[in-house]
């Protein structure tokens, strides 16, 4: 499978997908750490890919998304943005609303 097809499949098959440096338990940059804090505060599970351990994804995700920086958050297959946008959305309450709307009813609880 082509790497861009792989990225598309990851984004479309995970309601909340974060491409970040490191893992949620051990972020490897401040922007990833800030984004993870905002997401975790929303209280829903999310999928992630550590782009540091996936160099092919790291090289091609900016082509797929037309977004040059990391982290990148996708909700319901759509790019939401990076750290600054996520932080602003969290502070305004928009992020929690978006995240909760992405979680299927059957896995809440």
N, C-alpha and C. Protein backbone atom coordinates (compact mmCIF):
# COMPACT_ATOMS: atom_id res chain seq x y z
N UNK A 1 0.85 -1.19 0.00
CA UNK A 1 0.00 0.00 0.00
C UNK A 1 0.89 1.25 0.00
N UNK A 2 0.55 2.20 -0.83
CA UNK A 2 1.24 3.48 -0.90
C UNK A 2 1.12 4.21 0.45
N UNK A 3 2.17 4.95 0.84
CA UNK A 3 2.16 5.62 2.14
C UNK A 3 1.02 6.62 2.27
N UNK A 4 0.69 7.34 1.20
CA UNK A 4 -0.42 8.29 1.28
C UNK A 4 -1.74 7.56 1.46
N UNK A 5 -1.88 6.38 0.85
CA UNK A 5 -3.08 5.57 1.07
C UNK A 5 -3.13 5.07 2.52
N UNK A 6 -1.97 4.71 3.06
CA UNK A 6 -1.91 4.26 4.46
C UNK A 6 -2.34 5.37 5.41
N UNK A 7 -1.86 6.59 5.17
CA UNK A 7 -2.25 7.73 6.00
C UNK A 7 -3.75 7.96 5.89
N UNK A 8 -4.26 7.93 4.67
CA UNK A 8 -5.70 8.14 4.46
C UNK A 8 -6.51 7.10 5.23
N UNK A 9 -6.07 5.84 5.19
CA UNK A 9 -6.77 4.77 5.89
C UNK A 9 -6.73 5.00 7.40
N UNK A 10 -5.59 5.42 7.94
CA UNK A 10 -5.47 5.70 9.37
C UNK A 10 -6.42 6.83 9.78
N UNK A 11 -6.40 7.91 9.01
CA UNK A 11 -7.21 9.09 9.32
C UNK A 11 -8.70 8.75 9.25
N UNK A 12 -9.10 7.97 8.24
CA UNK A 12 -10.52 7.67 8.05
C UNK A 12 -11.03 6.57 8.97
N UNK A 13 -10.16 5.70 9.47
CA UNK A 13 -10.64 4.60 10.30
C UNK A 13 -10.56 4.89 11.80
N UNK A 14 -10.00 6.03 12.17
CA UNK A 14 -9.91 6.43 13.58
C UNK A 14 -10.63 7.75 13.77
N UNK A 15 -11.69 7.78 14.57
CA UNK A 15 -12.45 9.03 14.72
C UNK A 15 -11.60 10.20 15.21
N UNK A 16 -10.62 9.91 16.08
CA UNK A 16 -9.73 10.95 16.60
C UNK A 16 -8.31 10.44 16.42
N UNK A 17 -7.55 11.07 15.53
CA UNK A 17 -6.20 10.61 15.20
C UNK A 17 -5.22 11.76 15.36
N UNK A 18 -4.19 11.53 16.15
CA UNK A 18 -3.16 12.53 16.39
C UNK A 18 -1.83 12.01 15.87
N UNK A 19 -1.20 12.78 15.00
CA UNK A 19 0.17 12.51 14.56
C UNK A 19 1.06 13.42 15.39
N UNK A 20 1.95 12.82 16.16
CA UNK A 20 2.73 13.58 17.13
C UNK A 20 4.16 13.06 17.22
N UNK A 21 4.99 13.82 17.91
CA UNK A 21 6.35 13.37 18.21
C UNK A 21 6.33 12.71 19.58
N UNK A 22 6.59 11.39 19.59
CA UNK A 22 6.54 10.63 20.83
C UNK A 22 5.19 9.98 21.01
N UNK A 23 4.85 9.71 22.27
CA UNK A 23 3.57 9.09 22.61
C UNK A 23 2.85 9.96 23.62
N UNK A 24 1.54 9.74 23.84
CA UNK A 24 0.84 10.53 24.84
C UNK A 24 1.48 10.43 26.23
N UNK A 25 2.05 9.28 26.55
CA UNK A 25 2.70 9.10 27.85
C UNK A 25 4.09 9.71 27.91
N UNK A 26 4.72 9.89 26.73
CA UNK A 26 6.08 10.44 26.67
C UNK A 26 6.25 11.30 25.42
N UNK A 27 5.60 12.47 25.39
CA UNK A 27 5.74 13.35 24.23
C UNK A 27 7.20 13.78 24.07
N UNK A 28 7.63 13.94 22.82
CA UNK A 28 9.02 14.29 22.55
C UNK A 28 9.21 15.74 22.11
N UNK A 29 8.16 16.54 22.22
CA UNK A 29 8.31 17.99 21.99
C UNK A 29 7.19 18.71 22.75
N UNK A 30 7.42 19.96 23.02
CA UNK A 30 6.46 20.74 23.80
C UNK A 30 5.12 20.91 23.11
N UNK A 31 5.13 21.04 21.79
CA UNK A 31 3.87 21.21 21.06
C UNK A 31 3.03 19.93 21.14
N UNK A 32 3.69 18.78 21.01
CA UNK A 32 2.96 17.52 21.14
C UNK A 32 2.44 17.36 22.57
N UNK A 33 3.24 17.72 23.56
CA UNK A 33 2.82 17.62 24.95
C UNK A 33 1.59 18.49 25.22
N UNK A 34 1.60 19.72 24.72
CA UNK A 34 0.47 20.64 24.92
C UNK A 34 -0.79 20.10 24.26
N UNK A 35 -0.66 19.58 23.05
CA UNK A 35 -1.80 19.05 22.31
C UNK A 35 -2.39 17.84 23.04
N UNK A 36 -1.53 16.95 23.53
CA UNK A 36 -1.98 15.78 24.27
C UNK A 36 -2.72 16.20 25.54
N UNK A 37 -2.21 17.20 26.25
CA UNK A 37 -2.89 17.68 27.46
C UNK A 37 -4.30 18.16 27.14
N UNK A 38 -4.45 18.90 26.06
CA UNK A 38 -5.78 19.39 25.66
C UNK A 38 -6.70 18.22 25.32
N UNK A 39 -6.19 17.26 24.55
CA UNK A 39 -7.02 16.11 24.17
C UNK A 39 -7.40 15.27 25.38
N UNK A 40 -6.45 15.01 26.27
CA UNK A 40 -6.74 14.18 27.44
C UNK A 40 -7.77 14.86 28.35
N UNK A 41 -7.73 16.18 28.42
CA UNK A 41 -8.68 16.91 29.25
C UNK A 41 -10.11 16.78 28.70
N UNK A 42 -10.24 16.43 27.43
CA UNK A 42 -11.57 16.24 26.84
C UNK A 42 -12.18 14.89 27.25
N UNK A 43 -11.36 13.99 27.77
CA UNK A 43 -11.87 12.77 28.38
C UNK A 43 -12.22 11.63 27.44
N UNK A 44 -11.81 11.69 26.19
CA UNK A 44 -12.10 10.59 25.25
C UNK A 44 -10.81 9.96 24.77
N UNK A 45 -10.89 8.69 24.42
CA UNK A 45 -9.73 7.99 23.89
C UNK A 45 -9.45 8.49 22.47
N UNK A 46 -8.17 8.47 22.12
CA UNK A 46 -7.78 8.86 20.77
C UNK A 46 -6.62 7.99 20.31
N UNK A 47 -6.51 7.86 19.00
CA UNK A 47 -5.42 7.11 18.40
C UNK A 47 -4.28 8.08 18.10
N UNK A 48 -3.07 7.52 18.03
CA UNK A 48 -1.94 8.37 17.70
C UNK A 48 -0.90 7.58 16.91
N UNK A 49 -0.06 8.31 16.20
CA UNK A 49 1.10 7.75 15.52
C UNK A 49 2.29 8.59 15.93
N UNK A 50 3.36 7.92 16.38
CA UNK A 50 4.61 8.59 16.70
C UNK A 50 5.38 8.77 15.40
N UNK A 51 5.43 9.99 14.89
CA UNK A 51 6.09 10.24 13.61
C UNK A 51 7.60 10.07 13.69
N UNK A 52 8.16 10.12 14.90
CA UNK A 52 9.60 9.92 15.04
C UNK A 52 9.99 8.46 14.76
N UNK A 53 9.09 7.54 15.05
CA UNK A 53 9.37 6.12 14.78
C UNK A 53 8.81 5.68 13.43
N UNK A 54 8.14 6.60 12.73
CA UNK A 54 7.57 6.33 11.40
C UNK A 54 8.05 7.40 10.42
N UNK A 55 9.34 7.33 10.01
CA UNK A 55 9.88 8.41 9.16
C UNK A 55 9.16 8.58 7.83
N UNK A 56 8.62 7.51 7.29
CA UNK A 56 7.91 7.64 6.01
C UNK A 56 6.62 8.45 6.19
N UNK A 57 5.92 8.23 7.31
CA UNK A 57 4.73 9.04 7.60
C UNK A 57 5.14 10.48 7.87
N UNK A 58 6.22 10.66 8.64
CA UNK A 58 6.69 12.02 8.95
C UNK A 58 7.00 12.79 7.68
N UNK A 59 7.60 12.13 6.70
CA UNK A 59 7.98 12.79 5.45
C UNK A 59 6.77 13.07 4.56
N UNK A 60 5.75 12.23 4.62
CA UNK A 60 4.63 12.35 3.67
C UNK A 60 3.36 12.97 4.23
N UNK A 61 3.20 13.02 5.54
CA UNK A 61 1.98 13.61 6.11
C UNK A 61 1.79 15.07 5.69
N UNK A 62 2.85 15.90 5.67
CA UNK A 62 2.65 17.28 5.19
C UNK A 62 2.15 17.36 3.75
N UNK A 63 2.50 16.39 2.93
CA UNK A 63 2.00 16.34 1.55
C UNK A 63 0.51 15.99 1.58
N UNK A 64 0.16 14.99 2.38
CA UNK A 64 -1.23 14.54 2.49
C UNK A 64 -2.13 15.67 3.00
N UNK A 65 -1.67 16.35 4.04
CA UNK A 65 -2.52 17.33 4.72
C UNK A 65 -2.38 18.76 4.20
N UNK A 66 -1.30 19.03 3.47
CA UNK A 66 -0.97 20.39 3.09
C UNK A 66 -0.78 21.26 4.33
N UNK A 67 -0.22 20.65 5.37
CA UNK A 67 0.04 21.31 6.66
C UNK A 67 1.47 20.95 7.04
N UNK A 68 2.38 21.92 7.20
CA UNK A 68 3.81 21.61 7.31
C UNK A 68 4.31 21.14 8.67
N UNK A 69 3.57 21.38 9.73
CA UNK A 69 4.11 21.15 11.07
C UNK A 69 3.41 20.01 11.80
N UNK A 70 4.03 19.61 12.91
CA UNK A 70 3.47 18.59 13.80
C UNK A 70 3.36 19.18 15.18
N UNK A 71 2.40 18.72 15.97
CA UNK A 71 1.46 17.64 15.71
C UNK A 71 0.35 18.05 14.74
N UNK A 72 -0.37 17.03 14.27
CA UNK A 72 -1.55 17.24 13.42
C UNK A 72 -2.68 16.40 13.99
N UNK A 73 -3.82 17.04 14.24
CA UNK A 73 -4.99 16.35 14.77
C UNK A 73 -6.06 16.24 13.68
N UNK A 74 -6.59 15.03 13.53
CA UNK A 74 -7.69 14.76 12.60
C UNK A 74 -8.88 14.28 13.42
N UNK A 75 -10.05 14.81 13.12
CA UNK A 75 -11.29 14.36 13.74
C UNK A 75 -12.27 14.04 12.62
N UNK A 76 -12.79 12.83 12.66
CA UNK A 76 -13.71 12.35 11.62
C UNK A 76 -13.14 12.56 10.22
N UNK A 77 -11.84 12.26 10.06
CA UNK A 77 -11.21 12.31 8.75
C UNK A 77 -10.78 13.68 8.28
N UNK A 78 -11.04 14.71 9.08
CA UNK A 78 -10.71 16.09 8.68
C UNK A 78 -9.59 16.64 9.55
N UNK A 79 -8.64 17.33 8.91
CA UNK A 79 -7.57 18.00 9.66
C UNK A 79 -8.17 19.13 10.47
N UNK A 80 -7.92 19.11 11.78
CA UNK A 80 -8.36 20.19 12.65
C UNK A 80 -7.26 21.24 12.73
N UNK A 81 -6.02 20.79 12.90
CA UNK A 81 -4.90 21.71 12.94
C UNK A 81 -3.81 21.22 13.86
N UNK A 82 -2.93 22.16 14.22
CA UNK A 82 -1.80 21.86 15.09
C UNK A 82 -1.99 22.42 16.48
N UNK A 83 -0.90 22.54 17.19
CA UNK A 83 -0.93 22.90 18.62
C UNK A 83 -1.66 24.21 18.91
N UNK A 84 -1.34 25.27 18.16
CA UNK A 84 -1.96 26.57 18.45
C UNK A 84 -3.47 26.52 18.28
N UNK A 85 -3.92 25.91 17.19
CA UNK A 85 -5.36 25.82 16.93
C UNK A 85 -6.04 24.95 17.98
N UNK A 86 -5.42 23.82 18.31
CA UNK A 86 -6.00 22.91 19.31
C UNK A 86 -6.10 23.61 20.66
N UNK A 87 -5.04 24.33 21.04
CA UNK A 87 -5.04 25.04 22.33
C UNK A 87 -6.14 26.10 22.37
N UNK A 88 -6.28 26.87 21.28
CA UNK A 88 -7.34 27.89 21.23
C UNK A 88 -8.72 27.24 21.32
N UNK A 89 -8.90 26.14 20.58
CA UNK A 89 -10.20 25.45 20.60
C UNK A 89 -10.48 24.88 21.99
N UNK A 90 -9.46 24.37 22.66
CA UNK A 90 -9.63 23.83 24.01
C UNK A 90 -10.06 24.94 24.97
N UNK A 91 -9.38 26.07 24.91
CA UNK A 91 -9.67 27.19 25.82
C UNK A 91 -11.07 27.75 25.60
N UNK A 92 -11.57 27.69 24.37
CA UNK A 92 -12.90 28.22 24.08
C UNK A 92 -14.01 27.20 24.33
N UNK A 93 -13.63 25.92 24.54
CA UNK A 93 -14.62 24.87 24.72
C UNK A 93 -14.99 24.15 23.44
N UNK A 94 -14.54 24.65 22.29
CA UNK A 94 -14.87 24.04 21.00
C UNK A 94 -14.29 22.64 20.85
N UNK A 95 -13.08 22.43 21.39
CA UNK A 95 -12.42 21.14 21.21
C UNK A 95 -13.21 20.02 21.89
N UNK A 96 -13.65 20.24 23.11
CA UNK A 96 -14.41 19.21 23.83
C UNK A 96 -15.67 18.85 23.06
N UNK A 97 -16.36 19.84 22.54
CA UNK A 97 -17.57 19.60 21.76
C UNK A 97 -17.26 18.76 20.53
N UNK A 98 -16.20 19.14 19.80
CA UNK A 98 -15.80 18.42 18.60
C UNK A 98 -15.40 16.97 18.93
N UNK A 99 -14.60 16.81 19.96
CA UNK A 99 -14.11 15.47 20.34
C UNK A 99 -15.28 14.59 20.75
N UNK A 100 -16.16 15.10 21.58
CA UNK A 100 -17.31 14.29 22.04
C UNK A 100 -18.22 13.91 20.88
N UNK A 101 -18.36 14.80 19.89
CA UNK A 101 -19.23 14.49 18.74
C UNK A 101 -18.61 13.42 17.84
N UNK A 102 -17.30 13.23 17.95
CA UNK A 102 -16.61 12.24 17.08
C UNK A 102 -16.67 10.82 17.64
N UNK A 103 -17.00 10.70 18.92
CA UNK A 103 -16.98 9.38 19.57
C UNK A 103 -18.34 8.70 19.35
N UNK A 104 -18.31 7.52 18.73
CA UNK A 104 -19.58 6.80 18.54
C UNK A 104 -20.25 6.47 19.87
N UNK A 105 -21.55 6.55 19.90
CA UNK A 105 -22.30 6.29 21.12
C UNK A 105 -21.98 4.93 21.74
N UNK A 106 -21.75 3.93 20.88
CA UNK A 106 -21.58 2.57 21.36
C UNK A 106 -20.32 2.36 22.19
N UNK A 107 -19.31 3.26 22.07
CA UNK A 107 -18.10 3.05 22.87
C UNK A 107 -17.98 4.06 24.01
N UNK A 108 -18.96 4.89 24.21
CA UNK A 108 -18.93 5.79 25.35
C UNK A 108 -19.25 5.02 26.61
N UNK A 109 -18.76 5.56 27.74
CA UNK A 109 -19.15 4.94 28.98
C UNK A 109 -17.99 4.62 29.78
